[in-house]
Structure formats: structure tokens, C-alpha cells
Protein backbone atom coordinates (compact mmCIF):
# COMPACT_ATOMS: atom_id res chain seq x y z
CA MET A 1 0.00 0.00 0.00
CA ARG A 2 1.32 3.41 -0.91
CA PRO A 3 1.52 6.15 1.72
CA GLY A 4 -1.47 8.49 1.72
CA LEU A 5 -3.97 5.88 0.55
CA LEU A 6 -5.16 4.87 3.99
CA ARG A 7 -8.92 4.75 4.30
CA PRO A 8 -10.80 5.71 7.44
CA PRO A 9 -12.33 2.81 9.34
CA PRO A 10 -15.93 1.97 8.43
CA PRO A 11 -18.63 3.41 10.71
CA THR A 12 -19.40 1.32 13.78
CA GLY A 13 -23.17 1.56 13.38
CA PRO A 14 -25.87 2.90 11.13
CA THR A 15 -26.16 6.65 10.74
CA PRO A 16 -29.54 7.95 11.94
CA ASP A 17 -31.92 8.99 9.18
CA TRP A 18 -32.80 12.65 9.83
CA THR A 19 -35.11 12.80 6.79
CA VAL A 20 -38.38 12.96 8.74
CA ILE A 21 -37.31 15.65 11.20
CA VAL A 22 -35.70 17.81 8.51
CA ASP A 23 -38.76 17.39 6.29
CA ASP A 24 -41.07 18.41 9.16
CA ILE A 25 -39.01 21.49 9.90
CA THR A 26 -38.56 22.61 6.29
CA THR A 27 -42.21 22.16 5.35
CA GLN A 28 -43.48 23.83 8.53
CA ARG A 29 -45.78 20.97 9.48
CA LEU A 30 -44.87 21.38 13.12
CA ARG A 31 -48.05 23.10 14.22
CA THR A 32 -49.76 20.54 16.44
CA CYS A 33 -48.91 18.61 19.59
CA THR A 34 -47.60 15.10 18.90
CA LEU A 35 -49.76 13.56 21.65
CA CYS A 36 -53.07 15.42 21.72
CA GLY A 37 -53.03 16.88 18.20
CA GLY A 38 -54.10 20.27 19.47
CA PRO A 39 -52.72 23.51 18.06
CA ILE A 40 -49.64 24.79 19.82
CA ALA A 41 -48.51 28.29 20.63
CA THR A 42 -45.80 27.37 23.13
CA PHE A 43 -44.14 23.98 23.11
CA THR A 44 -41.13 21.81 23.85
CA ALA A 45 -39.38 20.42 20.78
CA GLU A 46 -37.55 17.12 21.11
CA ALA A 47 -36.35 14.39 18.79
CA TRP A 48 -37.32 10.72 18.96
CA SER A 49 -35.37 7.94 17.26
CA ASN A 50 -35.67 4.18 16.93
CA GLY A 51 -32.17 3.85 15.46
CA VAL A 52 -33.46 4.08 11.89
CA VAL A 53 -35.81 7.06 11.87
CA VAL A 54 -35.43 10.38 13.69
CA ALA A 55 -38.65 12.36 14.12
CA ALA A 56 -39.53 15.73 15.63
CA VAL A 57 -41.77 15.64 18.69
CA LEU A 58 -43.63 18.74 19.82
CA LEU A 59 -45.47 18.76 23.12
CA CYS A 60 -47.89 21.39 24.33
CA PRO A 61 -47.54 22.45 27.99
CA ALA A 62 -50.46 20.21 29.07
CA CYS A 63 -48.96 17.09 27.45
CA GLN A 64 -45.54 17.93 28.91
CA ARG A 65 -47.13 17.77 32.37
CA ARG A 66 -49.20 14.63 31.59
CA ASP A 67 -46.21 12.70 30.19
CA PRO A 68 -43.05 13.89 31.99
CA GLN A 69 -41.14 10.65 31.28
CA ARG A 70 -42.30 10.67 27.63
CA MET A 71 -43.62 7.09 27.85
CA ALA A 72 -46.78 7.99 25.88
CA VAL A 73 -44.62 9.73 23.26
CA PHE A 74 -42.35 6.68 22.91
CA ALA A 75 -45.36 4.33 22.56
CA LYS A 76 -47.04 6.54 19.95
CA MET A 77 -43.87 6.97 17.90
CA GLU A 78 -43.08 3.24 18.02
CA LEU A 79 -46.53 2.47 16.64
CA ARG A 80 -46.23 5.18 14.00
CA TYR A 81 -42.82 4.12 12.70
CA ASP A 82 -42.93 0.38 13.44
CA PRO A 83 -46.55 -0.72 12.90
CA GLY A 84 -45.73 -4.39 13.55
CA ARG A 85 -44.83 -3.68 17.17
CA THR A 86 -47.36 -3.21 19.95
CA PRO A 87 -46.68 -0.69 22.75
CA ASP A 88 -46.13 -3.45 25.34
CA GLN A 89 -43.33 -5.14 23.35
CA GLU A 90 -39.81 -4.40 24.51
CA VAL A 91 -37.69 -2.27 22.19
CA PRO A 92 -34.41 -4.06 21.31
């Protein structure tokens, strides 16, 4: 091997797919609460990922209080992006 032709090591895992979150932000579809679906004026923006998909999560103040550990958010997003899984199944 000639000097200067060293390649970087391959990535250790898959790179998250930010397509959904970037699409949501660029098309301005982030106008409703992820849990209740109500319109939002003030919110908390977070990201959820299952290792393949990364999605924006917006929570209105009421849903932030109702779901402080984000368990309802995780269950809803798992069903949305992995329809074969039920909320009571353990995520690998």
C-alpha cells in the first residue's frame, strides 16, 4: 500500500436517518402537539429515534405535564414508525 492511501475505518453503526425531522421542519408541518393533536402556541421540541428514523416531537404544555417521562410519546412513535410492534413489546 502506498503512503497516503489509507482509508478511514468503516462506521461502527448505522447513521440515523434525519429525513423525517428535517422534512417536518422545512415544510413547517410542526403546528400541532404530537400527543393530543391540538394547536400549539408554546411547546417543547424534542427528537425521537428508533435507530433508523429520527422524528420531531412537539409537546404542548399540558402534554408535557401529563407525560413527563415521555412514555406515551415513545409508545405513539413506536406504533407510528414500526406498525408491527405493539406498545407493550420491549424495544431491542
